[in-house]
């Protein structure tokens, strides 16, 4: 029986959505004006104001390329995630499973 949305594809989509959210909050400040339109990195509700669109698109384009488990691009994306999460003060662990590695970031507090 063929599933309409195979679990492997579901995992890829979930990882892509998670990454998109991470990148959206991690791309930096736009240096905007003070007040309601400024990036305030201390408030989660202001995260969209902190996105630098060009950086976000560059990261998304990089990640969106084919990355079969074990190839060089797959490793480069994993390294980028580890580096980005570490820079954001997350505790990062890599969980190996049968066919790959999950990158998990935990923010304590």
N, C-alpha and C. Protein backbone atom coordinates (compact mmCIF):
# COMPACT_ATOMS: atom_id res chain seq x y z
N UNK A 1 0.84 -1.18 0.00
CA UNK A 1 0.00 0.00 0.00
C UNK A 1 0.88 1.24 0.00
N UNK A 2 0.63 2.16 -0.89
CA UNK A 2 1.40 3.40 -0.98
C UNK A 2 0.71 4.49 -0.17
N UNK A 3 1.46 5.11 0.71
CA UNK A 3 0.92 6.20 1.51
C UNK A 3 0.93 7.48 0.68
N UNK A 4 -0.09 8.34 0.81
CA UNK A 4 -0.14 9.56 0.03
C UNK A 4 0.95 10.56 0.41
N UNK A 5 1.45 10.46 1.60
CA UNK A 5 2.48 11.38 2.06
C UNK A 5 3.47 10.57 2.88
N UNK A 6 4.46 9.95 2.27
CA UNK A 6 5.36 9.04 2.99
C UNK A 6 6.00 9.69 4.21
N UNK A 7 6.23 8.93 5.27
CA UNK A 7 6.83 9.48 6.48
C UNK A 7 8.15 10.20 6.22
N UNK A 8 8.98 9.68 5.31
CA UNK A 8 10.26 10.33 5.05
C UNK A 8 10.04 11.74 4.50
N UNK A 9 9.09 11.87 3.62
CA UNK A 9 8.78 13.19 3.07
C UNK A 9 8.19 14.09 4.15
N UNK A 10 7.36 13.51 5.02
CA UNK A 10 6.78 14.29 6.11
C UNK A 10 7.88 14.82 7.02
N UNK A 11 8.87 13.98 7.31
CA UNK A 11 9.99 14.42 8.15
C UNK A 11 10.77 15.53 7.48
N UNK A 12 10.96 15.43 6.18
CA UNK A 12 11.68 16.47 5.44
C UNK A 12 10.92 17.78 5.50
N UNK A 13 9.61 17.72 5.30
CA UNK A 13 8.80 18.94 5.35
C UNK A 13 8.81 19.54 6.75
N UNK A 14 8.70 18.71 7.77
CA UNK A 14 8.73 19.21 9.14
C UNK A 14 10.06 19.87 9.44
N UNK A 15 11.15 19.24 9.00
CA UNK A 15 12.48 19.81 9.22
C UNK A 15 12.64 21.12 8.47
N UNK A 16 12.11 21.20 7.26
CA UNK A 16 12.19 22.42 6.47
C UNK A 16 11.40 23.54 7.13
N UNK A 17 10.21 23.24 7.65
CA UNK A 17 9.42 24.26 8.32
C UNK A 17 10.10 24.73 9.59
N UNK A 18 10.67 23.80 10.35
CA UNK A 18 11.39 24.16 11.56
C UNK A 18 12.57 25.04 11.22
N UNK A 19 13.31 24.67 10.19
CA UNK A 19 14.46 25.46 9.77
C UNK A 19 14.03 26.85 9.32
N UNK A 20 12.94 26.93 8.59
CA UNK A 20 12.46 28.24 8.13
C UNK A 20 12.15 29.15 9.31
N UNK A 21 11.53 28.59 10.35
CA UNK A 21 11.24 29.39 11.54
C UNK A 21 12.53 29.80 12.25
N UNK A 22 13.48 28.89 12.33
CA UNK A 22 14.76 29.20 12.95
C UNK A 22 15.46 30.31 12.18
N UNK A 23 15.52 30.17 10.87
CA UNK A 23 16.20 31.18 10.06
C UNK A 23 15.49 32.52 10.15
N UNK A 24 14.19 32.50 10.22
CA UNK A 24 13.44 33.75 10.29
C UNK A 24 13.74 34.53 11.55
N UNK A 25 14.07 33.83 12.63
CA UNK A 25 14.37 34.52 13.87
C UNK A 25 15.86 34.71 14.07
N UNK A 26 16.69 34.14 13.22
CA UNK A 26 18.13 34.15 13.45
C UNK A 26 18.92 35.00 12.48
N UNK A 27 18.29 35.62 11.54
CA UNK A 27 19.04 36.31 10.49
C UNK A 27 19.60 37.65 10.90
N UNK A 28 19.19 38.19 12.02
CA UNK A 28 19.81 39.41 12.50
C UNK A 28 18.86 40.59 12.49
N UNK A 29 19.41 41.71 12.84
CA UNK A 29 18.64 42.94 12.97
C UNK A 29 18.70 43.75 11.70
N UNK A 30 17.60 44.44 11.43
CA UNK A 30 17.59 45.31 10.27
C UNK A 30 18.03 46.72 10.61
N UNK A 31 18.36 46.93 11.90
CA UNK A 31 18.82 48.25 12.32
C UNK A 31 17.75 49.31 12.20
N UNK A 32 16.49 48.92 12.30
CA UNK A 32 15.37 49.85 12.13
C UNK A 32 15.29 50.88 13.23
N UNK A 33 14.31 51.77 13.12
CA UNK A 33 14.09 52.82 14.09
C UNK A 33 13.61 52.25 15.41
N UNK A 34 13.76 53.04 16.47
CA UNK A 34 13.25 52.66 17.77
C UNK A 34 11.73 52.66 17.72
N UNK A 35 11.09 51.94 18.60
CA UNK A 35 9.64 51.94 18.64
C UNK A 35 9.06 50.67 18.09
N UNK A 36 7.81 50.73 17.69
CA UNK A 36 7.08 49.54 17.31
C UNK A 36 7.59 48.88 16.03
N UNK A 37 8.35 49.59 15.20
CA UNK A 37 8.85 48.98 13.97
C UNK A 37 10.28 48.48 14.10
N UNK A 38 10.91 48.71 15.25
CA UNK A 38 12.30 48.31 15.42
C UNK A 38 12.41 46.84 15.79
N UNK A 39 13.55 46.27 15.46
CA UNK A 39 13.85 44.90 15.87
C UNK A 39 14.24 44.91 17.34
N UNK A 40 13.51 44.20 18.15
CA UNK A 40 13.85 44.04 19.56
C UNK A 40 14.10 42.55 19.77
N UNK A 41 15.38 42.17 19.75
CA UNK A 41 15.73 40.76 19.80
C UNK A 41 15.31 40.09 21.09
N UNK A 42 14.92 40.87 22.10
CA UNK A 42 14.50 40.30 23.37
C UNK A 42 13.04 39.90 23.41
N UNK A 43 12.30 40.21 22.37
CA UNK A 43 10.87 39.89 22.37
C UNK A 43 10.54 39.00 21.18
N UNK A 44 9.98 37.83 21.46
CA UNK A 44 9.63 36.88 20.40
C UNK A 44 8.62 37.45 19.43
N UNK A 45 7.72 38.30 19.91
CA UNK A 45 6.70 38.86 19.03
C UNK A 45 7.29 39.80 17.99
N UNK A 46 8.50 40.28 18.21
CA UNK A 46 9.15 41.18 17.25
C UNK A 46 10.08 40.46 16.29
N UNK A 47 10.14 39.13 16.37
CA UNK A 47 11.06 38.37 15.52
C UNK A 47 10.92 38.70 14.04
N UNK A 48 9.70 38.85 13.51
CA UNK A 48 9.60 39.16 12.08
C UNK A 48 10.31 40.46 11.70
N UNK A 49 10.41 41.41 12.62
CA UNK A 49 11.10 42.67 12.33
C UNK A 49 12.62 42.52 12.31
N UNK A 50 13.11 41.38 12.81
CA UNK A 50 14.55 41.16 12.89
C UNK A 50 15.10 40.40 11.68
N UNK A 51 14.25 40.04 10.77
CA UNK A 51 14.66 39.25 9.62
C UNK A 51 15.29 40.15 8.56
N UNK A 52 16.46 39.75 8.11
CA UNK A 52 17.08 40.40 6.97
C UNK A 52 16.73 39.51 5.78
N UNK A 53 15.86 40.01 4.93
CA UNK A 53 15.29 39.18 3.87
C UNK A 53 16.36 38.52 2.99
N UNK A 54 17.39 39.25 2.62
CA UNK A 54 18.43 38.69 1.75
C UNK A 54 19.14 37.52 2.44
N UNK A 55 19.42 37.64 3.74
CA UNK A 55 20.07 36.56 4.49
C UNK A 55 19.15 35.35 4.59
N UNK A 56 17.89 35.61 4.87
CA UNK A 56 16.90 34.53 4.96
C UNK A 56 16.81 33.76 3.65
N UNK A 57 16.71 34.50 2.54
CA UNK A 57 16.60 33.84 1.23
C UNK A 57 17.88 33.08 0.87
N UNK A 58 19.04 33.62 1.23
CA UNK A 58 20.30 32.93 0.95
C UNK A 58 20.36 31.61 1.72
N UNK A 59 19.98 31.63 3.01
CA UNK A 59 19.98 30.41 3.81
C UNK A 59 18.97 29.41 3.28
N UNK A 60 17.79 29.88 2.96
CA UNK A 60 16.75 28.99 2.45
C UNK A 60 17.16 28.35 1.13
N UNK A 61 17.76 29.13 0.25
CA UNK A 61 18.24 28.60 -1.03
C UNK A 61 19.32 27.56 -0.81
N UNK A 62 20.21 27.81 0.12
CA UNK A 62 21.28 26.86 0.44
C UNK A 62 20.71 25.55 0.96
N UNK A 63 19.78 25.63 1.89
CA UNK A 63 19.21 24.43 2.52
C UNK A 63 18.32 23.66 1.56
N UNK A 64 17.65 24.35 0.64
CA UNK A 64 16.65 23.71 -0.22
C UNK A 64 17.23 22.80 -1.29
N UNK A 65 18.54 22.81 -1.48
CA UNK A 65 19.15 21.92 -2.48
C UNK A 65 19.04 20.48 -2.00
N UNK A 66 19.11 19.55 -2.95
CA UNK A 66 19.06 18.12 -2.59
C UNK A 66 20.20 17.81 -1.62
N UNK A 67 19.87 17.07 -0.58
CA UNK A 67 20.87 16.73 0.44
C UNK A 67 20.66 15.31 0.97
N UNK A 68 20.90 14.32 0.10
CA UNK A 68 20.77 12.94 0.59
C UNK A 68 21.70 12.70 1.77
N UNK A 69 21.23 11.90 2.70
CA UNK A 69 22.02 11.58 3.88
C UNK A 69 23.40 11.08 3.48
N UNK A 70 24.42 11.67 4.08
CA UNK A 70 25.78 11.23 3.82
C UNK A 70 26.54 12.05 2.79
N UNK A 71 25.85 12.89 1.99
CA UNK A 71 26.61 13.65 1.00
C UNK A 71 27.16 14.94 1.62
N UNK A 72 28.05 15.61 0.90
CA UNK A 72 28.74 16.79 1.43
C UNK A 72 27.77 17.93 1.75
N UNK A 73 26.77 18.12 0.90
CA UNK A 73 25.82 19.21 1.15
C UNK A 73 24.99 18.94 2.40
N UNK A 74 24.63 17.69 2.62
CA UNK A 74 23.89 17.31 3.82
C UNK A 74 24.71 17.67 5.07
N UNK A 75 25.99 17.35 5.05
CA UNK A 75 26.87 17.67 6.17
C UNK A 75 27.01 19.18 6.35
N UNK A 76 27.08 19.92 5.25
CA UNK A 76 27.22 21.37 5.31
C UNK A 76 25.97 22.03 5.92
N UNK A 77 24.79 21.52 5.56
CA UNK A 77 23.55 22.05 6.13
C UNK A 77 23.50 21.75 7.62
N UNK A 78 23.86 20.54 7.99
CA UNK A 78 23.87 20.17 9.41
C UNK A 78 24.83 21.07 10.18
N UNK A 79 26.02 21.32 9.62
CA UNK A 79 27.00 22.21 10.28
C UNK A 79 26.45 23.63 10.41
N UNK A 80 25.77 24.11 9.36
CA UNK A 80 25.19 25.45 9.42
C UNK A 80 24.16 25.54 10.56
N UNK A 81 23.34 24.50 10.69
CA UNK A 81 22.34 24.49 11.76
C UNK A 81 23.00 24.48 13.14
N UNK A 82 24.02 23.65 13.31
CA UNK A 82 24.73 23.60 14.59
C UNK A 82 25.35 24.96 14.90
N UNK A 83 26.01 25.56 13.91
CA UNK A 83 26.65 26.86 14.11
C UNK A 83 25.63 27.94 14.45
N UNK A 84 24.51 27.96 13.71
CA UNK A 84 23.48 28.98 13.93
C UNK A 84 22.87 28.84 15.31
N UNK A 85 22.50 27.61 15.70
CA UNK A 85 21.90 27.39 17.01
C UNK A 85 22.88 27.72 18.13
N UNK A 86 24.13 27.36 17.96
CA UNK A 86 25.15 27.66 18.97
C UNK A 86 25.32 29.17 19.13
N UNK A 87 25.35 29.89 18.02
CA UNK A 87 25.48 31.35 18.07
C UNK A 87 24.29 32.00 18.78
N UNK A 88 23.13 31.33 18.73
CA UNK A 88 21.94 31.85 19.39
C UNK A 88 21.82 31.36 20.84
N UNK A 89 22.90 30.78 21.36
CA UNK A 89 22.99 30.34 22.75
C UNK A 89 22.17 29.09 23.07
N UNK A 90 21.87 28.28 22.03
CA UNK A 90 21.20 27.01 22.27
C UNK A 90 22.25 25.97 22.65
N UNK A 91 21.86 25.01 23.48
CA UNK A 91 22.67 23.83 23.72
C UNK A 91 22.32 22.87 22.59
N UNK A 92 23.33 22.48 21.81
CA UNK A 92 23.08 21.68 20.61
C UNK A 92 23.56 20.25 20.81
N UNK A 93 22.69 19.31 20.43
CA UNK A 93 23.08 17.91 20.41
C UNK A 93 22.72 17.34 19.05
N UNK A 94 23.46 16.34 18.64
CA UNK A 94 23.16 15.64 17.39
C UNK A 94 22.78 14.22 17.75
N UNK A 95 21.57 13.84 17.37
CA UNK A 95 21.04 12.52 17.68
C UNK A 95 21.09 11.65 16.44
N UNK A 96 21.95 10.64 16.48
CA UNK A 96 22.08 9.73 15.35
C UNK A 96 20.97 8.69 15.42
N UNK A 97 20.37 8.43 14.27
CA UNK A 97 19.39 7.36 14.16
C UNK A 97 19.73 6.57 12.90
N UNK A 98 18.99 5.55 12.60
CA UNK A 98 19.31 4.63 11.52
C UNK A 98 19.82 5.25 10.24
N UNK A 99 19.14 6.25 9.70
CA UNK A 99 19.50 6.77 8.38
C UNK A 99 20.05 8.19 8.42
N UNK A 100 20.27 8.76 9.58
CA UNK A 100 20.74 10.14 9.59
C UNK A 100 20.99 10.66 10.98
N UNK A 101 20.95 12.00 11.08
CA UNK A 101 21.23 12.69 12.33
C UNK A 101 20.23 13.83 12.50
N UNK A 102 19.62 13.90 13.68
CA UNK A 102 18.79 15.04 14.02
C UNK A 102 19.65 16.07 14.73
N UNK A 103 19.52 17.33 14.37
CA UNK A 103 20.17 18.42 15.08
C UNK A 103 19.11 19.01 15.99
N UNK A 104 19.40 18.99 17.31
CA UNK A 104 18.43 19.45 18.28
C UNK A 104 19.04 20.60 19.07
N UNK A 105 18.31 21.72 19.11
CA UNK A 105 18.76 22.87 19.90
C UNK A 105 17.82 23.06 21.08
N UNK A 106 18.40 23.22 22.26
CA UNK A 106 17.60 23.43 23.47
C UNK A 106 18.01 24.76 24.08
N UNK A 107 17.03 25.62 24.30
CA UNK A 107 17.27 26.91 24.91
C UNK A 107 16.73 26.87 26.32
N UNK A 108 17.63 26.90 27.27
CA UNK A 108 17.22 26.79 28.67
C UNK A 108 16.84 28.16 29.19
N UNK A 109 15.85 28.15 30.07
CA UNK A 109 15.47 29.41 30.70
C UNK A 109 14.02 29.66 30.70
